[in-house]
Amino acid sequence: MIAEVSGRQVKQQLDSGRPVVLLDVREPEELRLARLPGALHIPMGEVAGRLHELDPDAEIVVFCHHGMRSASVAQFLAQRDFAHVANLVGGIDAWSVLVDPSVPRY
């Protein structure tokens, strides 16, 4: 089972200065609609070929639009010995509703 975190939990972590990699696995056209500052963008279909860009020891929070694709990617990473991976519950949509309404919803 993959850990899940809420947008509020991630925001608290960012505000406290604890390092976390926000991994955005949405498609490029989605990125043009809404984005989280500082997030690393690797579309879901490219993750396997770009694992070298991720630190397996880093804390990684994976997100997509609503949390389904990111849950799959988080599972994929965990199976490849990424030790600290979590899925952002509700994705960027929930982030917009619960954390930062300036992030557009689509």
PDB file of N, CA and C in Angstrom:
ATOM      1  N   MET A   1       0.836  -1.185   0.000  1.00  0.00           N
ATOM      2  CA  MET A   1       0.000   0.000   0.000  1.00  0.00           C
ATOM      3  C   MET A   1       0.881   1.249   0.000  1.00  0.00           C
ATOM      4  N   ILE A   2       0.553   2.185  -0.856  1.00  0.00           N
ATOM      5  CA  ILE A   2       1.305   3.432  -0.972  1.00  0.00           C
ATOM      6  C   ILE A   2       0.749   4.461   0.019  1.00  0.00           C
ATOM      7  N   ALA A   3       1.649   5.185   0.629  1.00  0.00           N
ATOM      8  CA  ALA A   3       1.230   6.254   1.544  1.00  0.00           C
ATOM      9  C   ALA A   3       0.490   7.331   0.768  1.00  0.00           C
ATOM     10  N   GLU A   4      -0.483   7.930   1.407  1.00  0.00           N
ATOM     11  CA  GLU A   4      -1.203   9.049   0.829  1.00  0.00           C
ATOM     12  C   GLU A   4      -1.078  10.248   1.758  1.00  0.00           C
ATOM     13  N   VAL A   5      -0.937  11.424   1.166  1.00  0.00           N
ATOM     14  CA  VAL A   5      -0.850  12.650   1.947  1.00  0.00           C
ATOM     15  C   VAL A   5      -1.841  13.655   1.385  1.00  0.00           C
ATOM     16  N   SER A   6      -2.338  14.496   2.257  1.00  0.00           N
ATOM     17  CA  SER A   6      -3.251  15.556   1.824  1.00  0.00           C
ATOM     18  C   SER A   6      -2.444  16.773   1.387  1.00  0.00           C
ATOM     19  N   GLY A   7      -3.098  17.622   0.645  1.00  0.00           N
ATOM     20  CA  GLY A   7      -2.467  18.874   0.249  1.00  0.00           C
ATOM     21  C   GLY A   7      -2.054  19.702   1.449  1.00  0.00           C
ATOM     22  N   ARG A   8      -2.882  19.698   2.480  1.00  0.00           N
ATOM     23  CA  ARG A   8      -2.549  20.462   3.690  1.00  0.00           C
ATOM     24  C   ARG A   8      -1.274  19.933   4.343  1.00  0.00           C
ATOM     25  N   GLN A   9      -1.119  18.606   4.364  1.00  0.00           N
ATOM     26  CA  GLN A   9       0.097  18.021   4.953  1.00  0.00           C
ATOM     27  C   GLN A   9       1.329  18.426   4.145  1.00  0.00           C
ATOM     28  N   VAL A  10       1.212  18.387   2.836  1.00  0.00           N
ATOM     29  CA  VAL A  10       2.345  18.770   1.979  1.00  0.00           C
ATOM     30  C   VAL A  10       2.668  20.247   2.165  1.00  0.00           C
ATOM     31  N   LYS A  11       1.652  21.072   2.237  1.00  0.00           N
ATOM     32  CA  LYS A  11       1.863  22.516   2.445  1.00  0.00           C
ATOM     33  C   LYS A  11       2.581  22.769   3.767  1.00  0.00           C
ATOM     34  N   GLN A  12       2.174  22.072   4.830  1.00  0.00           N
ATOM     35  CA  GLN A  12       2.843  22.216   6.126  1.00  0.00           C
ATOM     36  C   GLN A  12       4.308  21.809   6.019  1.00  0.00           C
ATOM     37  N   GLN A  13       4.563  20.738   5.294  1.00  0.00           N
ATOM     38  CA  GLN A  13       5.945  20.287   5.123  1.00  0.00           C
ATOM     39  C   GLN A  13       6.756  21.328   4.364  1.00  0.00           C
ATOM     40  N   LEU A  14       6.205  21.860   3.295  1.00  0.00           N
ATOM     41  CA  LEU A  14       6.912  22.886   2.532  1.00  0.00           C
ATOM     42  C   LEU A  14       7.153  24.130   3.382  1.00  0.00           C
ATOM     43  N   ASP A  15       6.136  24.543   4.132  1.00  0.00           N
ATOM     44  CA  ASP A  15       6.262  25.729   4.979  1.00  0.00           C
ATOM     45  C   ASP A  15       7.297  25.539   6.085  1.00  0.00           C
ATOM     46  N   SER A  16       7.465  24.305   6.548  1.00  0.00           N
ATOM     47  CA  SER A  16       8.429  24.041   7.621  1.00  0.00           C
ATOM     48  C   SER A  16       9.865  23.948   7.106  1.00  0.00           C
ATOM     49  N   GLY A  17      10.009  23.915   5.778  1.00  0.00           N
ATOM     50  CA  GLY A  17      11.346  23.833   5.199  1.00  0.00           C
ATOM     51  C   GLY A  17      11.862  22.418   5.017  1.00  0.00           C
ATOM     52  N   ARG A  18      11.050  21.433   5.377  1.00  0.00           N
ATOM     53  CA  ARG A  18      11.467  20.038   5.157  1.00  0.00           C
ATOM     54  C   ARG A  18      11.468  19.761   3.659  1.00  0.00           C
ATOM     55  N   PRO A  19      12.568  19.222   3.143  1.00  0.00           N
ATOM     56  CA  PRO A  19      12.649  19.005   1.701  1.00  0.00           C
ATOM     57  C   PRO A  19      11.686  17.923   1.222  1.00  0.00           C
ATOM     58  N   VAL A  20      11.068  18.208   0.101  1.00  0.00           N
ATOM     59  CA  VAL A  20      10.184  17.248  -0.550  1.00  0.00           C
ATOM     60  C   VAL A  20      10.211  17.535  -2.049  1.00  0.00           C
ATOM     61  N   VAL A  21      10.240  16.480  -2.823  1.00  0.00           N
ATOM     62  CA  VAL A  21      10.161  16.598  -4.273  1.00  0.00           C
ATOM     63  C   VAL A  21       8.701  16.432  -4.660  1.00  0.00           C
ATOM     64  N   LEU A  22       8.143  17.443  -5.310  1.00  0.00           N
ATOM     65  CA  LEU A  22       6.799  17.349  -5.854  1.00  0.00           C
ATOM     66  C   LEU A  22       6.928  16.877  -7.292  1.00  0.00           C
ATOM     67  N   LEU A  23       6.457  15.676  -7.563  1.00  0.00           N
ATOM     68  CA  LEU A  23       6.590  15.074  -8.889  1.00  0.00           C
ATOM     69  C   LEU A  23       5.247  15.134  -9.605  1.00  0.00           C
ATOM     70  N   ASP A  24       5.177  15.963 -10.614  1.00  0.00           N
ATOM     71  CA  ASP A  24       3.964  16.175 -11.410  1.00  0.00           C
ATOM     72  C   ASP A  24       4.013  15.224 -12.601  1.00  0.00           C
ATOM     73  N   VAL A  25       3.075  14.267 -12.656  1.00  0.00           N
ATOM     74  CA  VAL A  25       3.086  13.262 -13.722  1.00  0.00           C
ATOM     75  C   VAL A  25       2.000  13.514 -14.773  1.00  0.00           C
ATOM     76  N   ARG A  26       1.442  14.722 -14.781  1.00  0.00           N
ATOM     77  CA  ARG A  26       0.426  15.067 -15.772  1.00  0.00           C
ATOM     78  C   ARG A  26       1.070  15.304 -17.141  1.00  0.00           C
ATOM     79  N   GLU A  27       0.234  15.402 -18.143  1.00  0.00           N
ATOM     80  CA  GLU A  27       0.688  15.646 -19.511  1.00  0.00           C
ATOM     81  C   GLU A  27       1.028  17.127 -19.707  1.00  0.00           C
ATOM     82  N   PRO A  28       1.887  17.430 -20.692  1.00  0.00           N
ATOM     83  CA  PRO A  28       2.290  18.827 -20.907  1.00  0.00           C
ATOM     84  C   PRO A  28       1.123  19.789 -21.096  1.00  0.00           C
ATOM     85  N   GLU A  29       0.062  19.352 -21.780  1.00  0.00           N
ATOM     86  CA  GLU A  29      -1.078  20.261 -21.973  1.00  0.00           C
ATOM     87  C   GLU A  29      -1.783  20.576 -20.654  1.00  0.00           C
ATOM     88  N   GLU A  30      -1.745  19.652 -19.695  1.00  0.00           N
ATOM     89  CA  GLU A  30      -2.317  19.914 -18.376  1.00  0.00           C
ATOM     90  C   GLU A  30      -1.461  20.911 -17.602  1.00  0.00           C
ATOM     91  N   LEU A  31      -0.168  20.813 -17.788  1.00  0.00           N
ATOM     92  CA  LEU A  31       0.763  21.706 -17.112  1.00  0.00           C
ATOM     93  C   LEU A  31       0.506  23.158 -17.517  1.00  0.00           C
ATOM     94  N   ARG A  32       0.087  23.353 -18.757  1.00  0.00           N
ATOM     95  CA  ARG A  32      -0.216  24.708 -19.231  1.00  0.00           C
ATOM     96  C   ARG A  32      -1.456  25.274 -18.551  1.00  0.00           C
ATOM     97  N   LEU A  33      -2.333  24.408 -18.048  1.00  0.00           N
ATOM     98  CA  LEU A  33      -3.570  24.860 -17.402  1.00  0.00           C
ATOM     99  C   LEU A  33      -3.370  25.230 -15.939  1.00  0.00           C
ATOM    100  N   ALA A  34      -2.521  24.462 -15.256  1.00  0.00           N
ATOM    101  CA  ALA A  34      -2.290  24.689 -13.820  1.00  0.00           C
ATOM    102  C   ALA A  34      -0.985  24.020 -13.433  1.00  0.00           C
ATOM    103  N   ARG A  35      -0.272  24.647 -12.508  1.00  0.00           N
ATOM    104  CA  ARG A  35       0.995  24.068 -12.060  1.00  0.00           C
ATOM    105  C   ARG A  35       1.280  24.464 -10.628  1.00  0.00           C
ATOM    106  N   LEU A  36       2.117  23.646  -9.980  1.00  0.00           N
ATOM    107  CA  LEU A  36       2.599  23.966  -8.642  1.00  0.00           C
ATOM    108  C   LEU A  36       4.041  24.435  -8.777  1.00  0.00           C
ATOM    109  N   PRO A  37       4.356  25.601  -8.250  1.00  0.00           N
ATOM    110  CA  PRO A  37       5.717  26.125  -8.351  1.00  0.00           C
ATOM    111  C   PRO A  37       6.728  25.150  -7.746  1.00  0.00           C
ATOM    112  N   GLY A  38       7.820  24.975  -8.448  1.00  0.00           N
ATOM    113  CA  GLY A  38       8.904  24.135  -7.956  1.00  0.00           C
ATOM    114  C   GLY A  38       8.731  22.650  -8.212  1.00  0.00           C
ATOM    115  N   ALA A  39       7.612  22.250  -8.786  1.00  0.00           N
ATOM    116  CA  ALA A  39       7.388  20.822  -9.037  1.00  0.00           C
ATOM    117  C   ALA A  39       8.235  20.346 -10.218  1.00  0.00           C
ATOM    118  N   LEU A  40       8.682  19.116 -10.123  1.00  0.00           N
ATOM    119  CA  LEU A  40       9.403  18.463 -11.211  1.00  0.00           C
ATOM    120  C   LEU A  40       8.367  17.800 -12.104  1.00  0.00           C
ATOM    121  N   HIS A  41       8.402  18.108 -13.393  1.00  0.00           N
ATOM    122  CA  HIS A  41       7.421  17.554 -14.329  1.00  0.00           C
ATOM    123  C   HIS A  41       8.029  16.402 -15.123  1.00  0.00           C
ATOM    124  N   ILE A  42       7.495  15.208 -14.908  1.00  0.00           N
ATOM    125  CA  ILE A  42       7.830  14.041 -15.722  1.00  0.00           C
ATOM    126  C   ILE A  42       6.501  13.346 -16.030  1.00  0.00           C
ATOM    127  N   PRO A  43       6.011  13.448 -17.269  1.00  0.00           N
ATOM    128  CA  PRO A  43       4.743  12.796 -17.588  1.00  0.00           C
ATOM    129  C   PRO A  43       4.769  11.306 -17.249  1.00  0.00           C
ATOM    130  N   MET A  44       3.628  10.788 -16.854  1.00  0.00           N
ATOM    131  CA  MET A  44       3.513   9.400 -16.419  1.00  0.00           C
ATOM    132  C   MET A  44       4.204   8.430 -17.375  1.00  0.00           C
ATOM    133  N   GLY A  45       3.984   8.598 -18.650  1.00  0.00           N
ATOM    134  CA  GLY A  45       4.550   7.686 -19.641  1.00  0.00           C
ATOM    135  C   GLY A  45       6.062   7.771 -19.791  1.00  0.00           C
ATOM    136  N   GLU A  46       6.691   8.783 -19.196  1.00  0.00           N
ATOM    137  CA  GLU A  46       8.141   8.963 -19.301  1.00  0.00           C
ATOM    138  C   GLU A  46       8.888   8.587 -18.028  1.00  0.00           C
ATOM    139  N   VAL A  47       8.168   8.290 -16.962  1.00  0.00           N
ATOM    140  CA  VAL A  47       8.812   8.059 -15.662  1.00  0.00           C
ATOM    141  C   VAL A  47       9.819   6.916 -15.730  1.00  0.00           C
ATOM    142  N   ALA A  48       9.457   5.801 -16.322  1.00  0.00           N
ATOM    143  CA  ALA A  48      10.351   4.634 -16.367  1.00  0.00           C
ATOM    144  C   ALA A  48      11.682   4.974 -17.032  1.00  0.00           C
ATOM    145  N   GLY A  49      11.651   5.767 -18.077  1.00  0.00           N
ATOM    146  CA  GLY A  49      12.868   6.137 -18.791  1.00  0.00           C
ATOM    147  C   GLY A  49      13.634   7.283 -18.164  1.00  0.00           C
ATOM    148  N   ARG A  50      13.059   7.901 -17.149  1.00  0.00           N
ATOM    149  CA  ARG A  50      13.713   9.058 -16.532  1.00  0.00           C
ATOM    150  C   ARG A  50      13.960   8.866 -15.036  1.00  0.00           C
ATOM    151  N   LEU A  51      13.971   7.616 -14.592  1.00  0.00           N
ATOM    152  CA  LEU A  51      14.212   7.335 -13.170  1.00  0.00           C
ATOM    153  C   LEU A  51      15.510   7.952 -12.670  1.00  0.00           C
ATOM    154  N   HIS A  52      16.502   8.049 -13.550  1.00  0.00           N
ATOM    155  CA  HIS A  52      17.802   8.601 -13.164  1.00  0.00           C
ATOM    156  C   HIS A  52      17.700  10.058 -12.698  1.00  0.00           C
ATOM    157  N   GLU A  53      16.585  10.728 -13.003  1.00  0.00           N
ATOM    158  CA  GLU A  53      16.387  12.112 -12.583  1.00  0.00           C
ATOM    159  C   GLU A  53      15.865  12.221 -11.152  1.00  0.00           C
ATOM    160  N   LEU A  54      15.523  11.081 -10.560  1.00  0.00           N
ATOM    161  CA  LEU A  54      14.948  11.062  -9.213  1.00  0.00           C
ATOM    162  C   LEU A  54      15.906  10.412  -8.228  1.00  0.00           C
ATOM    163  N   ASP A  55      15.965  10.957  -7.030  1.00  0.00           N
ATOM    164  CA  ASP A  55      16.788  10.412  -5.957  1.00  0.00           C
ATOM    165  C   ASP A  55      15.953   9.395  -5.174  1.00  0.00           C
ATOM    166  N   PRO A  56      16.359   8.119  -5.182  1.00  0.00           N
ATOM    167  CA  PRO A  56      15.562   7.103  -4.489  1.00  0.00           C
ATOM    168  C   PRO A  56      15.487   7.298  -2.976  1.00  0.00           C
ATOM    169  N   ASP A  57      16.342   8.151  -2.416  1.00  0.00           N
ATOM    170  CA  ASP A  57      16.323   8.406  -0.979  1.00  0.00           C
ATOM    171  C   ASP A  57      15.543   9.673  -0.611  1.00  0.00           C
ATOM    172  N   ALA A  58      15.143  10.443  -1.605  1.00  0.00           N
ATOM    173  CA  ALA A  58      14.413  11.691  -1.346  1.00  0.00           C
ATOM    174  C   ALA A  58      12.963  11.394  -1.002  1.00  0.00           C
ATOM    175  N   GLU A  59      12.360  12.312  -0.282  1.00  0.00           N
ATOM    176  CA  GLU A  59      10.927  12.225  -0.044  1.00  0.00           C
ATOM    177  C   GLU A  59      10.232  12.777  -1.284  1.00  0.00           C
ATOM    178  N   ILE A  60       9.385  11.963  -1.893  1.00  0.00           N
ATOM    179  CA  ILE A  60       8.727  12.314  -3.149  1.00  0.00           C
ATOM    180  C   ILE A  60       7.219  12.240  -2.960  1.00  0.00           C
ATOM    181  N   VAL A  61       6.538  13.320  -3.336  1.00  0.00           N
ATOM    182  CA  VAL A  61       5.075  13.333  -3.369  1.00  0.00           C
ATOM    183  C   VAL A  61       4.677  13.436  -4.833  1.00  0.00           C
ATOM    184  N   VAL A  62       3.983  12.418  -5.304  1.00  0.00           N
ATOM    185  CA  VAL A  62       3.572  12.342  -6.707  1.00  0.00           C
ATOM    186  C   VAL A  62       2.150  12.882  -6.829  1.00  0.00           C
ATOM    187  N   PHE A  63       1.909  13.686  -7.877  1.00  0.00           N
ATOM    188  CA  PHE A  63       0.550  14.185  -8.086  1.00  0.00           C
ATOM    189  C   PHE A  63       0.203  14.256  -9.563  1.00  0.00           C
ATOM    190  N   CYS A  64      -1.093  14.204  -9.805  1.00  0.00           N
ATOM    191  CA  CYS A  64      -1.645  14.370 -11.145  1.00  0.00           C
ATOM    192  C   CYS A  64      -2.879  15.253 -11.007  1.00  0.00           C
ATOM    193  N   HIS A  65      -3.878  15.055 -11.842  1.00  0.00           N
ATOM    194  CA  HIS A  65      -5.078  15.892 -11.771  1.00  0.00           C
ATOM    195  C   HIS A  65      -5.935  15.544 -10.562  1.00  0.00           C
ATOM    196  N   HIS A  66      -6.297  14.260 -10.414  1.00  0.00           N
ATOM    197  CA  HIS A  66      -7.159  13.835  -9.306  1.00  0.00           C
ATOM    198  C   HIS A  66      -6.548  12.770  -8.400  1.00  0.00           C
ATOM    199  N   GLY A  67      -5.385  12.251  -8.739  1.00  0.00           N
ATOM    200  CA  GLY A  67      -4.714  11.301  -7.858  1.00  0.00           C
ATOM    201  C   GLY A  67      -4.676   9.856  -8.324  1.00  0.00           C
ATOM    202  N   MET A  68      -5.281   9.545  -9.442  1.00  0.00           N
ATOM    203  CA  MET A  68      -5.287   8.159  -9.916  1.00  0.00           C
ATOM    204  C   MET A  68      -3.973   7.792 -10.608  1.00  0.00           C
ATOM    205  N   ARG A  69      -3.557   8.588 -11.566  1.00  0.00           N
ATOM    206  CA  ARG A  69      -2.290   8.308 -12.266  1.00  0.00           C
ATOM    207  C   ARG A  69      -1.116   8.380 -11.300  1.00  0.00           C
ATOM    208  N   SER A  70      -1.151   9.364 -10.430  1.00  0.00           N
ATOM    209  CA  SER A  70      -0.042   9.522  -9.492  1.00  0.00           C
ATOM    210  C   SER A  70       0.048   8.339  -8.530  1.00  0.00           C
ATOM    211  N   ALA A  71      -1.079   7.744  -8.173  1.00  0.00           N
ATOM    212  CA  ALA A  71      -1.046   6.548  -7.319  1.00  0.00           C
ATOM    213  C   ALA A  71      -0.323   5.415  -8.031  1.00  0.00           C
ATOM    214  N   SER A  72      -0.560   5.280  -9.325  1.00  0.00           N
ATOM    215  CA  SER A  72       0.131   4.241 -10.110  1.00  0.00           C
ATOM    216  C   SER A  72       1.627   4.504 -10.178  1.00  0.00           C
ATOM    217  N   VAL A  73       1.987   5.755 -10.389  1.00  0.00           N
ATOM    218  CA  VAL A  73       3.413   6.107 -10.466  1.00  0.00           C
ATOM    219  C   VAL A  73       4.077   5.912  -9.100  1.00  0.00           C
ATOM    220  N   ALA A  74       3.408   6.298  -8.038  1.00  0.00           N
ATOM    221  CA  ALA A  74       3.963   6.109  -6.698  1.00  0.00           C
ATOM    222  C   ALA A  74       4.207   4.621  -6.434  1.00  0.00           C
ATOM    223  N   GLN A  75       3.271   3.780  -6.827  1.00  0.00           N
ATOM    224  CA  GLN A  75       3.435   2.329  -6.681  1.00  0.00           C
ATOM    225  C   GLN A  75       4.625   1.839  -7.493  1.00  0.00           C
ATOM    226  N   PHE A  76       4.742   2.314  -8.720  1.00  0.00           N
ATOM    227  CA  PHE A  76       5.857   1.958  -9.593  1.00  0.00           C
ATOM    228  C   PHE A  76       7.191   2.329  -8.939  1.00  0.00           C
ATOM    229  N   LEU A  77       7.273   3.536  -8.398  1.00  0.00           N
ATOM    230  CA  LEU A  77       8.518   3.977  -7.750  1.00  0.00           C
ATOM    231  C   LEU A  77       8.826   3.128  -6.519  1.00  0.00           C
ATOM    232  N   ALA A  78       7.822   2.844  -5.720  1.00  0.00           N
ATOM    233  CA  ALA A  78       8.024   2.036  -4.515  1.00  0.00           C
ATOM    234  C   ALA A  78       8.544   0.642  -4.881  1.00  0.00           C
ATOM    235  N   GLN A  79       8.085   0.105  -5.972  1.00  0.00           N
ATOM    236  CA  GLN A  79       8.540  -1.218  -6.416  1.00  0.00           C
ATOM    237  C   GLN A  79       9.982  -1.186  -6.898  1.00  0.00           C
ATOM    238  N   ARG A  80      10.502   0.013  -7.143  1.00  0.00           N
ATOM    239  CA  ARG A  80      11.884   0.174  -7.582  1.00  0.00           C
ATOM    240  C   ARG A  80      12.752   0.757  -6.477  1.00  0.00           C
ATOM    241  N   ASP A  81      12.362   0.488  -5.258  1.00  0.00           N
ATOM    242  CA  ASP A  81      13.139   0.828  -4.068  1.00  0.00           C
ATOM    243  C   ASP A  81      13.262   2.320  -3.784  1.00  0.00           C
ATOM    244  N   PHE A  82      12.290   3.095  -4.221  1.00  0.00           N
ATOM    245  CA  PHE A  82      12.205   4.476  -3.771  1.00  0.00           C
ATOM    246  C   PHE A  82      11.546   4.403  -2.398  1.00  0.00           C
ATOM    247  N   ALA A  83      12.273   4.819  -1.385  1.00  0.00           N
ATOM    248  CA  ALA A  83      11.890   4.523  -0.007  1.00  0.00           C
ATOM    249  C   ALA A  83      10.803   5.438   0.559  1.00  0.00           C
ATOM    250  N   HIS A  84      10.703   6.654   0.083  1.00  0.00           N
ATOM    251  CA  HIS A  84       9.812   7.640   0.700  1.00  0.00           C
ATOM    252  C   HIS A  84       8.907   8.271  -0.360  1.00  0.00           C
ATOM    253  N   VAL A  85       7.926   7.519  -0.800  1.00  0.00           N
ATOM    254  CA  VAL A  85       7.025   7.965  -1.861  1.00  0.00           C
ATOM    255  C   VAL A  85       5.603   8.027  -1.324  1.00  0.00           C
ATOM    256  N   ALA A  86       4.897   9.087  -1.680  1.00  0.00           N
ATOM    257  CA  ALA A  86       3.494   9.219  -1.295  1.00  0.00           C
ATOM    258  C   ALA A  86       2.707   9.798  -2.461  1.00  0.00           C
ATOM    259  N   ASN A  87       1.424   9.521  -2.455  1.00  0.00           N
ATOM    260  CA  ASN A  87       0.502  10.046  -3.450  1.00  0.00           C
ATOM    261  C   ASN A  87      -0.261  11.222  -2.845  1.00  0.00           C
ATOM    262  N   LEU A  88      -0.393  12.304  -3.610  1.00  0.00           N
ATOM    263  CA  LEU A  88      -1.177  13.455  -3.166  1.00  0.00           C
ATOM    264  C   LEU A  88      -2.656  13.156  -3.406  1.00  0.00           C
ATOM    265  N   VAL A  89      -3.398  12.989  -2.336  1.00  0.00           N
ATOM    266  CA  VAL A  89      -4.819  12.652  -2.416  1.00  0.00           C
ATOM    267  C   VAL A  89      -5.574  13.777  -3.130  1.00  0.00           C
ATOM    268  N   GLY A  90      -6.321  13.414  -4.163  1.00  0.00           N
ATOM    269  CA  GLY A  90      -7.122  14.399  -4.886  1.00  0.00           C
ATOM    270  C   GLY A  90      -6.362  15.216  -5.895  1.00  0.00           C
ATOM    271  N   GLY A  91      -5.049  15.026  -5.971  1.00  0.00           N
ATOM    272  CA  GLY A  91      -4.233  15.689  -6.974  1.00  0.00           C
ATOM    273  C   GLY A  91      -4.233  17.202  -6.887  1.00  0.00           C
ATOM    274  N   ILE A  92      -3.879  17.806  -8.013  1.00  0.00           N
ATOM    275  CA  ILE A  92      -3.779  19.264  -8.069  1.00  0.00           C
ATOM    276  C   ILE A  92      -5.159  19.908  -7.910  1.00  0.00           C
ATOM    277  N   ASP A  93      -6.212  19.161  -8.258  1.00  0.00           N
ATOM    278  CA  ASP A  93      -7.562  19.690  -8.073  1.00  0.00           C
ATOM    279  C   ASP A  93      -7.853  19.922  -6.590  1.00  0.00           C
ATOM    280  N   ALA A  94      -7.540  18.943  -5.753  1.00  0.00           N
ATOM    281  CA  ALA A  94      -7.737  19.094  -4.310  1.00  0.00           C
ATOM    282  C   ALA A  94      -6.812  20.171  -3.748  1.00  0.00           C
ATOM    283  N   TRP A  95      -5.604  20.267  -4.282  1.00  0.00           N
ATOM    284  CA  TRP A  95      -4.676  21.316  -3.852  1.00  0.00           C
ATOM    285  C   TRP A  95      -5.325  22.687  -4.064  1.00  0.00           C
ATOM    286  N   SER A  96      -5.936  22.873  -5.221  1.00  0.00           N
ATOM    287  CA  SER A  96      -6.584  24.144  -5.530  1.00  0.00           C
ATOM    288  C   SER A  96      -7.736  24.433  -4.570  1.00  0.00           C
ATOM    289  N   VAL A  97      -8.511  23.424  -4.242  1.00  0.00           N
ATOM    290  CA  VAL A  97      -9.671  23.605  -3.365  1.00  0.00           C
ATOM    291  C   VAL A  97      -9.255  23.812  -1.915  1.00  0.00           C
ATOM    292  N   LEU A  98      -8.298  23.012  -1.441  1.00  0.00           N
ATOM    293  CA  LEU A  98      -7.978  22.986  -0.013  1.00  0.00           C
ATOM    294  C   LEU A  98      -6.787  23.835   0.413  1.00  0.00           C
ATOM    295  N   VAL A  99      -5.877  24.105  -0.528  1.00  0.00           N
ATOM    296  CA  VAL A  99      -4.628  24.765  -0.142  1.00  0.00           C
ATOM    297  C   VAL A  99      -4.447  26.122  -0.807  1.00  0.00           C
ATOM    298  N   ASP A 100      -4.574  26.167  -2.124  1.00  0.00           N
ATOM    299  CA  ASP A 100      -4.257  27.393  -2.849  1.00  0.00           C
ATOM    300  C   ASP A 100      -5.254  27.630  -3.984  1.00  0.00           C
ATOM    301  N   PRO A 101      -6.289  28.412  -3.718  1.00  0.00           N
ATOM    302  CA  PRO A 101      -7.300  28.654  -4.754  1.00  0.00           C
ATOM    303  C   PRO A 101      -6.801  29.454  -5.946  1.00  0.00           C
ATOM    304  N   SER A 102      -5.571  29.972  -5.872  1.00  0.00           N
ATOM    305  CA  SER A 102      -5.028  30.684  -7.043  1.00  0.00           C
ATOM    306  C   SER A 102      -4.589  29.694  -8.119  1.00  0.00           C
ATOM    307  N   VAL A 103      -4.466  28.418  -7.770  1.00  0.00           N
ATOM    308  CA  VAL A 103      -4.146  27.388  -8.773  1.00  0.00           C
ATOM    309  C   VAL A 103      -5.446  27.072  -9.514  1.00  0.00           C
ATOM    310  N   PRO A 104      -5.455  27.309 -10.829  1.00  0.00           N
ATOM    311  CA  PRO A 104      -6.698  27.089 -11.586  1.00  0.00           C
ATOM    312  C   PRO A 104      -7.168  25.643 -11.543  1.00  0.00           C
ATOM    313  N   ARG A 105      -8.480  25.470 -11.507  1.00  0.00           N
ATOM    314  CA  ARG A 105      -9.098  24.145 -11.616  1.00  0.00           C
ATOM    315  C   ARG A 105      -9.488  23.930 -13.065  1.00  0.00           C
ATOM    316  N   TYR A 106      -9.428  22.683 -13.495  1.00  0.00           N
ATOM    317  CA  TYR A 106      -9.839  22.363 -14.874  1.00  0.00           C
ATOM    318  C   TYR A 106     -10.506  21.020 -14.919  1.00  0.00           C
TER     319      TYR A 106
END
